[in-house]
Amino acid sequence: MKIAEEVTFGAGLLNRLAEIRGNQGAIEDRIKKGRILPLWRGKPLLRPDLDGRQSLAFLSADHAVLQDRLDRCVYLGDTETSPVFAVDISDLTPEGELPGADEFLDLSLQHLTGTPEDHSFGELRGVMAQLTQLEAEIAATARGILEWHRIHRFCANCGEMSDVIMSGWQRRCNSCGRMHFPRTDPVVIMLITHGNSALIGRNENWPPRMYSLLAGFMEPGETIEAATRREVFEETGVRVDRVDYLASQPWPYPASLMIGTRGLATTTDITLDPIELEGALWVSREDMLEVFAGRHPDIAAARKGSIAHFLLTNWLADRLD
């Protein structure tokens, strides 16, 4: 797709400068003049703009809450205006209602002491479509790398605690010498079409009426095309012939790369896998327009900002080339 990089999180505007990650002097100099994005339980600090949209809220290195946490900061890269870092402050207890454990989307807000009253930690999926392209990339990168550190503290080879090195982009086990690097799990997400209709499905844990494109993890030794055909057949029994790549989206929940494809179906009968899906159906362009307008009685659109929403929007607009 010519407009593939317009997808949320996918702009590629952050200059990551991987070559300086091991230069401690350069990193220390950057952190003094840089901006630091704090995250609490994976939720970035946010502030409202004048137009009411949410933006990322950054702290400077001299902020009180960061004084004993500067060594935890991960260098994300440089923007045109400043270096950018991220830091996990989940060990703090912020003000405000704590999130519920079973919510599909955490709508609770937490306030960080020492910041303006309108600054709060908010769920990224709830505001991702409001952020600028650069802010969305920063937030996704920050959440992804900090979550990797949270769940990979111990060496997978020997079980000992590992150390953070390279400005947060590697972990090293001092016991066995094994090096560990952030991982990304490839996931195919498929716009499957037949004539004038697209195939959509829903998980039983989603909000009522919400449908999205089919998706699934790629397996070792599998191509993107093969994974697309396999996942669609396993979940719905629909056979797919030609498969084309469309766009990709980093998805830090916890560490996926959503690989958007288009597949042309050769069959239309649906045989549902009830373990994977609660429902699946073919929807015509005309009905999908009603879905996106919020007028369809039985179907709600995929979340705005997701690659599913992006692909379906551009399918409706005939902009998949």
C-alpha atoms as a PDB file:
ATOM      1  CA  MET A   1       0.000   0.000   0.000  1.00  0.00           C
ATOM      2  CA  LYS A   2       1.250   3.471  -0.855  1.00  0.00           C
ATOM      3  CA  ILE A   3      -0.180   4.804   2.421  1.00  0.00           C
ATOM      4  CA  ALA A   4       0.912   1.869   4.583  1.00  0.00           C
ATOM      5  CA  GLU A   5       2.930   4.016   6.983  1.00  0.00           C
ATOM      6  CA  GLU A   6      -0.106   6.091   7.885  1.00  0.00           C
ATOM      7  CA  VAL A   7      -1.257   3.291  10.188  1.00  0.00           C
ATOM      8  CA  THR A   8      -1.119   4.127  13.899  1.00  0.00           C
ATOM      9  CA  PHE A   9       2.303   3.329  15.469  1.00  0.00           C
ATOM     10  CA  GLY A  10       3.793   2.818  11.999  1.00  0.00           C
ATOM     11  CA  ALA A  11       5.201   6.182  10.918  1.00  0.00           C
ATOM     12  CA  GLY A  12       8.903   5.407  11.460  1.00  0.00           C
ATOM     13  CA  LEU A  13       9.704   9.008  12.419  1.00  0.00           C
ATOM     14  CA  LEU A  14      11.849   8.275  15.492  1.00  0.00           C
ATOM     15  CA  ASN A  15      15.610   8.342  14.856  1.00  0.00           C
ATOM     16  CA  ARG A  16      16.643   5.407  17.035  1.00  0.00           C
ATOM     17  CA  LEU A  17      20.418   5.969  16.727  1.00  0.00           C
ATOM     18  CA  ALA A  18      21.267   2.401  17.708  1.00  0.00           C
ATOM     19  CA  GLU A  19      24.961   3.147  17.206  1.00  0.00           C
ATOM     20  CA  ILE A  20      25.148   5.275  20.383  1.00  0.00           C
ATOM     21  CA  ARG A  21      23.269   2.953  22.738  1.00  0.00           C
ATOM     22  CA  GLY A  22      26.539   1.602  24.081  1.00  0.00           C
ATOM     23  CA  ASN A  23      28.108   5.050  24.498  1.00  0.00           C
ATOM     24  CA  GLN A  24      27.388   5.854  28.131  1.00  0.00           C
ATOM     25  CA  GLY A  25      28.724   9.406  27.859  1.00  0.00           C
ATOM     26  CA  ALA A  26      26.517  10.243  24.902  1.00  0.00           C
ATOM     27  CA  ILE A  27      23.463   8.777  26.669  1.00  0.00           C
ATOM     28  CA  GLU A  28      24.138  10.683  29.896  1.00  0.00           C
ATOM     29  CA  ASP A  29      24.474  13.906  27.914  1.00  0.00           C
ATOM     30  CA  ARG A  30      21.208  13.244  26.096  1.00  0.00           C
ATOM     31  CA  ILE A  31      19.230  12.434  29.222  1.00  0.00           C
ATOM     32  CA  LYS A  32      20.131  15.816  30.741  1.00  0.00           C
ATOM     33  CA  LYS A  33      18.547  17.682  27.831  1.00  0.00           C
ATOM     34  CA  GLY A  34      15.987  15.080  26.810  1.00  0.00           C
ATOM     35  CA  ARG A  35      12.337  14.333  27.504  1.00  0.00           C
ATOM     36  CA  ILE A  36      11.360  11.312  29.589  1.00  0.00           C
ATOM     37  CA  LEU A  37       8.020   9.532  29.197  1.00  0.00           C
ATOM     38  CA  PRO A  38       6.945   7.785  32.421  1.00  0.00           C
ATOM     39  CA  LEU A  39       4.711   4.719  32.175  1.00  0.00           C
ATOM     40  CA  TRP A  40       2.760   3.115  34.988  1.00  0.00           C
ATOM     41  CA  ARG A  41       1.664  -0.484  34.375  1.00  0.00           C
ATOM     42  CA  GLY A  42       2.146   0.124  30.658  1.00  0.00           C
ATOM     43  CA  LYS A  43       0.060   3.311  30.632  1.00  0.00           C
ATOM     44  CA  PRO A  44       1.837   6.465  29.387  1.00  0.00           C
ATOM     45  CA  LEU A  45       1.470   9.817  31.075  1.00  0.00           C
ATOM     46  CA  LEU A  46      -0.991  11.962  29.089  1.00  0.00           C
ATOM     47  CA  ARG A  47      -2.148  15.564  28.980  1.00  0.00           C
ATOM     48  CA  PRO A  48      -4.996  17.225  27.080  1.00  0.00           C
ATOM     49  CA  ASP A  49      -4.286  19.648  24.239  1.00  0.00           C
ATOM     50  CA  LEU A  50      -6.185  22.877  23.726  1.00  0.00           C
ATOM     51  CA  ASP A  51      -8.535  21.052  21.344  1.00  0.00           C
ATOM     52  CA  GLY A  52      -9.257  18.347  23.942  1.00  0.00           C
ATOM     53  CA  ARG A  53      -7.205  15.617  22.289  1.00  0.00           C
ATOM     54  CA  GLN A  54      -4.745  13.673  24.386  1.00  0.00           C
ATOM     55  CA  SER A  55      -0.987  14.077  23.962  1.00  0.00           C
ATOM     56  CA  LEU A  56       1.990  12.455  25.652  1.00  0.00           C
ATOM     57  CA  ALA A  57       3.267  14.224  28.777  1.00  0.00           C
ATOM     58  CA  PHE A  58       7.026  14.181  29.302  1.00  0.00           C
ATOM     59  CA  LEU A  59       9.174  14.916  32.352  1.00  0.00           C
ATOM     60  CA  SER A  60      12.665  16.356  32.504  1.00  0.00           C
ATOM     61  CA  ALA A  61      15.566  14.589  34.190  1.00  0.00           C
ATOM     62  CA  ASP A  62      15.417  16.926  37.210  1.00  0.00           C
ATOM     63  CA  HIS A  63      11.830  15.985  38.102  1.00  0.00           C
ATOM     64  CA  ALA A  64      11.594  14.715  41.676  1.00  0.00           C
ATOM     65  CA  VAL A  65      10.011  11.388  40.769  1.00  0.00           C
ATOM     66  CA  LEU A  66      12.939  10.529  38.492  1.00  0.00           C
ATOM     67  CA  GLN A  67      15.837  11.303  40.810  1.00  0.00           C
ATOM     68  CA  ASP A  68      16.462   7.677  41.779  1.00  0.00           C
ATOM     69  CA  ARG A  69      15.221   6.239  38.475  1.00  0.00           C
ATOM     70  CA  LEU A  70      17.438   7.812  35.829  1.00  0.00           C
ATOM     71  CA  ASP A  71      19.475   4.617  35.564  1.00  0.00           C
ATOM     72  CA  ARG A  72      16.256   2.800  34.575  1.00  0.00           C
ATOM     73  CA  CYS A  73      15.541   5.058  31.618  1.00  0.00           C
ATOM     74  CA  VAL A  74      15.533   3.440  28.182  1.00  0.00           C
ATOM     75  CA  TYR A  75      16.789   5.560  25.308  1.00  0.00           C
ATOM     76  CA  LEU A  76      14.159   5.486  22.549  1.00  0.00           C
ATOM     77  CA  GLY A  77      15.909   7.807  20.090  1.00  0.00           C
ATOM     78  CA  ASP A  78      15.989  11.406  18.919  1.00  0.00           C
ATOM     79  CA  THR A  79      13.221  13.501  17.455  1.00  0.00           C
ATOM     80  CA  GLU A  80      13.814  16.728  15.536  1.00  0.00           C
ATOM     81  CA  THR A  81      13.611  18.644  18.814  1.00  0.00           C
ATOM     82  CA  SER A  82      15.096  16.452  21.558  1.00  0.00           C
ATOM     83  CA  PRO A  83      16.219  13.006  22.703  1.00  0.00           C
ATOM     84  CA  VAL A  84      13.415  10.847  24.118  1.00  0.00           C
ATOM     85  CA  PHE A  85      13.541   8.297  26.932  1.00  0.00           C
ATOM     86  CA  ALA A  86      11.026   6.072  28.703  1.00  0.00           C
ATOM     87  CA  VAL A  87      10.945   4.853  32.293  1.00  0.00           C
ATOM     88  CA  ASP A  88       8.746   2.384  34.140  1.00  0.00           C
ATOM     89  CA  ILE A  89       7.484   3.762  37.451  1.00  0.00           C
ATOM     90  CA  SER A  90       5.056   0.956  38.236  1.00  0.00           C
ATOM     91  CA  ASP A  91       6.642   0.657  41.693  1.00  0.00           C
ATOM     92  CA  LEU A  92       4.927   3.915  42.659  1.00  0.00           C
ATOM     93  CA  THR A  93       1.329   4.158  43.833  1.00  0.00           C
ATOM     94  CA  PRO A  94      -0.313   7.023  41.955  1.00  0.00           C
ATOM     95  CA  GLU A  95      -3.467   8.844  42.950  1.00  0.00           C
ATOM     96  CA  GLY A  96      -6.778   7.704  41.515  1.00  0.00           C
ATOM     97  CA  GLU A  97      -8.841   4.595  40.952  1.00  0.00           C
ATOM     98  CA  LEU A  98      -6.842   1.437  40.279  1.00  0.00           C
ATOM     99  CA  PRO A  99      -7.778  -0.439  37.082  1.00  0.00           C
ATOM    100  CA  GLY A 100     -10.070  -3.437  37.198  1.00  0.00           C
ATOM    101  CA  ALA A 101      -8.571  -6.831  36.386  1.00  0.00           C
ATOM    102  CA  ASP A 102     -11.212  -7.997  33.892  1.00  0.00           C
ATOM    103  CA  GLU A 103     -11.833  -4.897  31.806  1.00  0.00           C
ATOM    104  CA  PHE A 104     -11.503  -5.230  28.033  1.00  0.00           C
ATOM    105  CA  LEU A 105     -10.295  -1.638  27.938  1.00  0.00           C
ATOM    106  CA  ASP A 106      -9.006   0.025  31.096  1.00  0.00           C
ATOM    107  CA  LEU A 107     -10.665   3.441  31.278  1.00  0.00           C
ATOM    108  CA  SER A 108      -9.336   4.341  34.730  1.00  0.00           C
ATOM    109  CA  LEU A 109      -6.950   7.283  35.133  1.00  0.00           C
ATOM    110  CA  GLN A 110      -4.164   7.707  37.667  1.00  0.00           C
ATOM    111  CA  HIS A 111      -2.499  10.984  38.653  1.00  0.00           C
ATOM    112  CA  LEU A 112       1.240  11.343  39.218  1.00  0.00           C
ATOM    113  CA  THR A 113       2.176  13.506  42.192  1.00  0.00           C
ATOM    114  CA  GLY A 114       4.139  16.561  41.134  1.00  0.00           C
ATOM    115  CA  THR A 115       2.447  16.965  37.758  1.00  0.00           C
ATOM    116  CA  PRO A 116      -0.459  19.250  36.745  1.00  0.00           C
ATOM    117  CA  GLU A 117      -3.938  18.094  37.733  1.00  0.00           C
ATOM    118  CA  ASP A 118      -4.920  17.380  34.130  1.00  0.00           C
ATOM    119  CA  HIS A 119      -1.981  14.965  33.620  1.00  0.00           C
ATOM    120  CA  SER A 120      -2.836  11.292  34.103  1.00  0.00           C
ATOM    121  CA  PHE A 121      -1.784   7.777  33.192  1.00  0.00           C
ATOM    122  CA  GLY A 122      -4.169   6.439  30.544  1.00  0.00           C
ATOM    123  CA  GLU A 123      -4.552   3.258  28.529  1.00  0.00           C
ATOM    124  CA  LEU A 124      -2.750   3.670  25.186  1.00  0.00           C
ATOM    125  CA  ARG A 125      -5.377   1.748  23.211  1.00  0.00           C
ATOM    126  CA  GLY A 126      -7.982   4.250  24.363  1.00  0.00           C
ATOM    127  CA  VAL A 127      -6.123   7.307  23.020  1.00  0.00           C
ATOM    128  CA  MET A 128      -3.907   5.953  20.246  1.00  0.00           C
ATOM    129  CA  ALA A 129      -6.016   7.489  17.489  1.00  0.00           C
ATOM    130  CA  GLN A 130      -5.709  10.934  19.123  1.00  0.00           C
ATOM    131  CA  LEU A 131      -1.906  11.012  19.239  1.00  0.00           C
ATOM    132  CA  THR A 132       0.270  12.437  16.492  1.00  0.00           C
ATOM    133  CA  GLN A 133       2.136   9.903  14.349  1.00  0.00           C
ATOM    134  CA  LEU A 134       5.377  10.572  16.216  1.00  0.00           C
ATOM    135  CA  GLU A 135       3.759  10.414  19.654  1.00  0.00           C
ATOM    136  CA  ALA A 136       2.060   7.125  18.795  1.00  0.00           C
ATOM    137  CA  GLU A 137       5.392   5.640  17.700  1.00  0.00           C
ATOM    138  CA  ILE A 138       7.100   6.843  20.889  1.00  0.00           C
ATOM    139  CA  ALA A 139       4.338   5.441  23.091  1.00  0.00           C
ATOM    140  CA  ALA A 140       4.267   2.060  21.346  1.00  0.00           C
ATOM    141  CA  THR A 141       8.058   1.755  21.480  1.00  0.00           C
ATOM    142  CA  ALA A 142       8.121   2.727  25.146  1.00  0.00           C
ATOM    143  CA  ARG A 143       5.397   0.302  26.141  1.00  0.00           C
ATOM    144  CA  GLY A 144       6.884  -2.541  24.144  1.00  0.00           C
ATOM    145  CA  ILE A 145      10.454  -2.257  25.422  1.00  0.00           C
ATOM    146  CA  LEU A 146       9.458  -1.697  29.055  1.00  0.00           C
ATOM    147  CA  GLU A 147       7.089  -4.676  28.986  1.00  0.00           C
ATOM    148  CA  TRP A 148       9.918  -6.825  27.583  1.00  0.00           C
ATOM    149  CA  HIS A 149      12.107  -5.847  30.527  1.00  0.00           C
ATOM    150  CA  ARG A 150       9.284  -6.589  32.967  1.00  0.00           C
ATOM    151  CA  ILE A 151       8.804 -10.178  31.813  1.00  0.00           C
ATOM    152  CA  HIS A 152      12.412 -11.012  30.871  1.00  0.00           C
ATOM    153  CA  ARG A 153      14.323 -10.181  34.043  1.00  0.00           C
ATOM    154  CA  PHE A 154      15.713 -13.702  34.334  1.00  0.00           C
ATOM    155  CA  CYS A 155      17.998 -15.492  31.904  1.00  0.00           C
ATOM    156  CA  ALA A 156      16.109 -18.016  29.776  1.00  0.00           C
ATOM    157  CA  ASN A 157      19.273 -20.140  29.573  1.00  0.00           C
ATOM    158  CA  CYS A 158      20.255 -20.529  33.238  1.00  0.00           C
ATOM    159  CA  GLY A 159      17.550 -18.785  35.243  1.00  0.00           C
ATOM    160  CA  GLU A 160      19.769 -16.184  36.899  1.00  0.00           C
ATOM    161  CA  MET A 161      18.909 -12.494  37.037  1.00  0.00           C
ATOM    162  CA  SER A 162      20.163 -10.588  33.981  1.00  0.00           C
ATOM    163  CA  ASP A 163      21.431  -7.008  33.751  1.00  0.00           C
ATOM    164  CA  VAL A 164      20.180  -4.199  31.501  1.00  0.00           C
ATOM    165  CA  ILE A 165      22.791  -2.892  29.045  1.00  0.00           C
ATOM    166  CA  MET A 166      22.954  -0.888  25.796  1.00  0.00           C
ATOM    167  CA  SER A 167      20.656   1.870  27.079  1.00  0.00           C
ATOM    168  CA  GLY A 168      17.860  -0.626  27.630  1.00  0.00           C
ATOM    169  CA  TRP A 169      18.064  -2.567  24.367  1.00  0.00           C
ATOM    170  CA  GLN A 170      19.819  -5.684  25.630  1.00  0.00           C
ATOM    171  CA  ARG A 171      20.036  -7.818  28.743  1.00  0.00           C
ATOM    172  CA  ARG A 172      23.164  -9.731  29.720  1.00  0.00           C
ATOM    173  CA  CYS A 173      23.396 -12.707  32.037  1.00  0.00           C
ATOM    174  CA  ASN A 174      26.585 -12.403  34.095  1.00  0.00           C
ATOM    175  CA  SER A 175      26.223 -16.010  35.212  1.00  0.00           C
ATOM    176  CA  CYS A 176      26.306 -17.824  31.859  1.00  0.00           C
ATOM    177  CA  GLY A 177      27.174 -14.968  29.496  1.00  0.00           C
ATOM    178  CA  ARG A 178      24.015 -15.285  27.376  1.00  0.00           C
ATOM    179  CA  MET A 179      22.818 -12.089  25.679  1.00  0.00           C
ATOM    180  CA  HIS A 180      19.114 -11.377  25.357  1.00  0.00           C
ATOM    181  CA  PHE A 181      17.423  -9.036  22.882  1.00  0.00           C
ATOM    182  CA  PRO A 182      13.867  -7.649  22.660  1.00  0.00           C
ATOM    183  CA  ARG A 183      11.576  -9.974  20.753  1.00  0.00           C
ATOM    184  CA  THR A 184       8.765  -9.300  18.340  1.00  0.00           C
ATOM    185  CA  ASP A 185       6.100 -11.904  17.596  1.00  0.00           C
ATOM    186  CA  PRO A 186       4.768 -11.807  13.997  1.00  0.00           C
ATOM    187  CA  VAL A 187       0.986 -11.954  13.637  1.00  0.00           C
ATOM    188  CA  VAL A 188      -0.912 -12.053  10.361  1.00  0.00           C
ATOM    189  CA  ILE A 189      -4.142 -10.057  10.246  1.00  0.00           C
ATOM    190  CA  MET A 190      -6.150 -10.717   7.128  1.00  0.00           C
ATOM    191  CA  LEU A 191      -8.534  -8.733   4.963  1.00  0.00           C
ATOM    192  CA  ILE A 192     -10.219 -11.683   3.258  1.00  0.00           C
ATOM    193  CA  THR A 193     -12.525 -10.691   0.430  1.00  0.00           C
ATOM    194  CA  HIS A 194     -14.843 -12.424  -1.978  1.00  0.00           C
ATOM    195  CA  GLY A 195     -16.445 -10.213  -4.579  1.00  0.00           C
ATOM    196  CA  ASN A 196     -18.049  -7.304  -2.783  1.00  0.00           C
ATOM    197  CA  SER A 197     -17.755  -8.738   0.744  1.00  0.00           C
ATOM    198  CA  ALA A 198     -15.166  -9.042   3.505  1.00  0.00           C
ATOM    199  CA  LEU A 199     -14.832 -11.736   6.167  1.00  0.00           C
ATOM    200  CA  ILE A 200     -14.920 -10.601   9.812  1.00  0.00           C
ATOM    201  CA  GLY A 201     -15.115 -12.387  13.139  1.00  0.00           C
ATOM    202  CA  ARG A 202     -15.387 -11.819  16.872  1.00  0.00           C
ATOM    203  CA  ASN A 203     -13.934 -13.238  20.066  1.00  0.00           C
ATOM    204  CA  GLU A 204     -16.263 -14.063  22.928  1.00  0.00           C
ATOM    205  CA  ASN A 205     -14.322 -11.735  25.269  1.00  0.00           C
ATOM    206  CA  TRP A 206     -14.881  -8.656  23.128  1.00  0.00           C
ATOM    207  CA  PRO A 207     -17.566  -6.026  23.819  1.00  0.00           C
ATOM    208  CA  PRO A 208     -21.021  -6.797  22.424  1.00  0.00           C
ATOM    209  CA  ARG A 209     -21.322  -6.465  18.612  1.00  0.00           C
ATOM    210  CA  MET A 210     -17.612  -5.765  18.085  1.00  0.00           C
ATOM    211  CA  TYR A 211     -16.143  -7.504  15.015  1.00  0.00           C
ATOM    212  CA  SER A 212     -12.699  -7.318  13.467  1.00  0.00           C
ATOM    213  CA  LEU A 213     -10.504  -8.999  10.873  1.00  0.00           C
ATOM    214  CA  LEU A 214      -9.253 -12.521  11.478  1.00  0.00           C
ATOM    215  CA  ALA A 215      -5.723 -12.756  12.889  1.00  0.00           C
ATOM    216  CA  GLY A 216      -3.273 -15.314  14.216  1.00  0.00           C
ATOM    217  CA  PHE A 217       0.350 -15.895  15.163  1.00  0.00           C
ATOM    218  CA  MET A 218       2.795 -17.112  12.551  1.00  0.00           C
ATOM    219  CA  GLU A 219       4.513 -20.422  13.233  1.00  0.00           C
ATOM    220  CA  PRO A 220       8.218 -21.337  12.826  1.00  0.00           C
ATOM    221  CA  GLY A 221       9.113 -22.144   9.227  1.00  0.00           C
ATOM    222  CA  GLU A 222       5.976 -20.481   7.871  1.00  0.00           C
ATOM    223  CA  THR A 223       5.657 -17.705   5.306  1.00  0.00           C
ATOM    224  CA  ILE A 224       3.272 -14.778   5.648  1.00  0.00           C
ATOM    225  CA  GLU A 225       1.176 -16.151   2.791  1.00  0.00           C
ATOM    226  CA  ALA A 226       0.976 -19.656   4.262  1.00  0.00           C
ATOM    227  CA  ALA A 227       0.066 -18.305   7.697  1.00  0.00           C
ATOM    228  CA  THR A 228      -2.720 -16.230   6.176  1.00  0.00           C
ATOM    229  CA  ARG A 229      -4.250 -19.232   4.430  1.00  0.00           C
ATOM    230  CA  ARG A 230      -3.814 -21.539   7.432  1.00  0.00           C
ATOM    231  CA  GLU A 231      -5.318 -19.168   9.999  1.00  0.00           C
ATOM    232  CA  VAL A 232      -8.357 -18.361   7.862  1.00  0.00           C
ATOM    233  CA  PHE A 233      -9.042 -22.031   7.167  1.00  0.00           C
ATOM    234  CA  GLU A 234      -8.509 -23.098  10.787  1.00  0.00           C
ATOM    235  CA  GLU A 235     -10.855 -20.462  12.161  1.00  0.00           C
ATOM    236  CA  THR A 236     -13.589 -20.396   9.507  1.00  0.00           C
ATOM    237  CA  GLY A 237     -13.054 -23.208   7.000  1.00  0.00           C
ATOM    238  CA  VAL A 238     -12.735 -20.655   4.193  1.00  0.00           C
ATOM    239  CA  ARG A 239     -10.128 -21.403   1.507  1.00  0.00           C
ATOM    240  CA  VAL A 240      -7.852 -18.582   0.304  1.00  0.00           C
ATOM    241  CA  ASP A 241      -5.882 -18.413  -2.944  1.00  0.00           C
ATOM    242  CA  ARG A 242      -3.888 -15.253  -3.731  1.00  0.00           C
ATOM    243  CA  VAL A 243      -2.360 -13.383  -0.773  1.00  0.00           C
ATOM    244  CA  ASP A 244      -0.790  -9.906  -0.938  1.00  0.00           C
ATOM    245  CA  TYR A 245       0.991  -7.864   1.719  1.00  0.00           C
ATOM    246  CA  LEU A 246      -0.670  -4.543   2.596  1.00  0.00           C
ATOM    247  CA  ALA A 247       0.805  -2.903   5.711  1.00  0.00           C
ATOM    248  CA  SER A 248       2.185  -3.629   9.180  1.00  0.00           C
ATOM    249  CA  GLN A 249       1.666  -2.220  12.655  1.00  0.00           C
ATOM    250  CA  PRO A 250       3.738  -2.623  15.817  1.00  0.00           C
ATOM    251  CA  TRP A 251       1.305  -3.749  18.524  1.00  0.00           C
ATOM    252  CA  PRO A 252       2.870  -3.692  22.013  1.00  0.00           C
ATOM    253  CA  TYR A 253       0.374  -6.063  23.680  1.00  0.00           C
ATOM    254  CA  PRO A 254       2.798  -7.361  24.605  1.00  0.00           C
ATOM    255  CA  ALA A 255       5.181  -7.576  21.612  1.00  0.00           C
ATOM    256  CA  SER A 256       3.483  -8.242  18.295  1.00  0.00           C
ATOM    257  CA  LEU A 257       4.020  -7.024  14.759  1.00  0.00           C
ATOM    258  CA  MET A 258       0.673  -7.110  13.002  1.00  0.00           C
ATOM    259  CA  ILE A 259       1.278  -8.010   9.352  1.00  0.00           C
ATOM    260  CA  GLY A 260      -1.699  -6.920   7.299  1.00  0.00           C
ATOM    261  CA  THR A 261      -2.492  -9.032   4.256  1.00  0.00           C
ATOM    262  CA  ARG A 262      -5.248  -9.299   1.695  1.00  0.00           C
ATOM    263  CA  GLY A 263      -6.456 -12.716   0.657  1.00  0.00           C
ATOM    264  CA  LEU A 264      -8.880 -13.660  -2.097  1.00  0.00           C
ATOM    265  CA  ALA A 265     -11.263 -16.354  -0.929  1.00  0.00           C
ATOM    266  CA  THR A 266     -12.171 -19.241  -3.227  1.00  0.00           C
ATOM    267  CA  THR A 267     -14.931 -20.538  -0.931  1.00  0.00           C
ATOM    268  CA  THR A 268     -17.512 -18.750   1.227  1.00  0.00           C
ATOM    269  CA  ASP A 269     -19.077 -21.408   3.462  1.00  0.00           C
ATOM    270  CA  ILE A 270     -18.112 -20.821   7.098  1.00  0.00           C
ATOM    271  CA  THR A 271     -17.305 -23.674   9.481  1.00  0.00           C
ATOM    272  CA  LEU A 272     -16.540 -21.947  12.755  1.00  0.00           C
ATOM    273  CA  ASP A 273     -13.839 -23.016  15.208  1.00  0.00           C
ATOM    274  CA  PRO A 274     -15.670 -22.233  18.485  1.00  0.00           C
ATOM    275  CA  ILE A 275     -12.426 -22.227  20.462  1.00  0.00           C
ATOM    276  CA  GLU A 276     -11.030 -19.359  18.393  1.00  0.00           C
ATOM    277  CA  LEU A 277     -14.149 -17.403  17.449  1.00  0.00           C
ATOM    278  CA  GLU A 278     -17.629 -16.773  18.766  1.00  0.00           C
ATOM    279  CA  GLY A 279     -18.845 -15.746  15.328  1.00  0.00           C
ATOM    280  CA  ALA A 280     -17.784 -14.966  11.769  1.00  0.00           C
ATOM    281  CA  LEU A 281     -19.663 -13.604   8.786  1.00  0.00           C
ATOM    282  CA  TRP A 282     -19.345 -12.024   5.357  1.00  0.00           C
ATOM    283  CA  VAL A 283     -20.213  -8.328   5.227  1.00  0.00           C
ATOM    284  CA  SER A 284     -20.860  -6.397   2.014  1.00  0.00           C
ATOM    285  CA  ARG A 285     -19.341  -2.987   1.342  1.00  0.00           C
ATOM    286  CA  GLU A 286     -22.756  -1.414   1.726  1.00  0.00           C
ATOM    287  CA  ASP A 287     -23.281  -2.994   5.141  1.00  0.00           C
ATOM    288  CA  MET A 288     -19.708  -2.158   6.194  1.00  0.00           C
ATOM    289  CA  LEU A 289     -20.389   1.493   5.442  1.00  0.00           C
ATOM    290  CA  GLU A 290     -23.294   1.286   7.875  1.00  0.00           C
ATOM    291  CA  VAL A 291     -20.979  -0.346  10.434  1.00  0.00           C
ATOM    292  CA  PHE A 292     -18.435   2.472  10.186  1.00  0.00           C
ATOM    293  CA  ALA A 293     -21.208   5.054  10.385  1.00  0.00           C
ATOM    294  CA  GLY A 294     -22.391   3.446  13.633  1.00  0.00           C
ATOM    295  CA  ARG A 295     -25.776   2.586  12.183  1.00  0.00           C
ATOM    296  CA  HIS A 296     -25.558  -1.189  11.872  1.00  0.00           C
ATOM    297  CA  PRO A 297     -27.815  -2.922  14.442  1.00  0.00           C
ATOM    298  CA  ASP A 298     -25.650  -6.012  14.937  1.00  0.00           C
ATOM    299  CA  ILE A 299     -22.030  -5.057  14.189  1.00  0.00           C
ATOM    300  CA  ALA A 300     -19.679  -2.491  15.727  1.00  0.00           C
ATOM    301  CA  ALA A 301     -16.448  -1.511  14.004  1.00  0.00           C
ATOM    302  CA  ALA A 302     -12.964  -2.523  15.077  1.00  0.00           C
ATOM    303  CA  ARG A 303     -11.224  -0.057  17.378  1.00  0.00           C
ATOM    304  CA  LYS A 304     -10.115   3.152  15.654  1.00  0.00           C
ATOM    305  CA  GLY A 305      -6.321   3.188  15.427  1.00  0.00           C
ATOM    306  CA  SER A 306      -6.030  -0.559  14.962  1.00  0.00           C
ATOM    307  CA  ILE A 307      -4.711  -1.975  11.706  1.00  0.00           C
ATOM    308  CA  ALA A 308      -8.027  -3.783  11.251  1.00  0.00           C
ATOM    309  CA  HIS A 309      -9.840  -0.432  11.233  1.00  0.00           C
ATOM    310  CA  PHE A 310      -7.169   0.986   8.904  1.00  0.00           C
ATOM    311  CA  LEU A 311      -7.432  -1.848   6.368  1.00  0.00           C
ATOM    312  CA  LEU A 312     -11.213  -1.915   6.338  1.00  0.00           C
ATOM    313  CA  THR A 313     -11.378   1.871   5.965  1.00  0.00           C
ATOM    314  CA  ASN A 314      -9.095   1.762   2.950  1.00  0.00           C
ATOM    315  CA  TRP A 315     -10.923  -1.232   1.472  1.00  0.00           C
ATOM    316  CA  LEU A 316     -14.113   0.826   1.599  1.00  0.00           C
ATOM    317  CA  ALA A 317     -12.294   3.758  -0.003  1.00  0.00           C
ATOM    318  CA  ASP A 318     -10.704   1.491  -2.650  1.00  0.00           C
ATOM    319  CA  ARG A 319      -7.179   2.546  -1.585  1.00  0.00           C
ATOM    320  CA  LEU A 320      -5.445  -0.803  -1.105  1.00  0.00           C
ATOM    321  CA  ASP A 321      -2.916  -0.310  -3.944  1.00  0.00           C
END
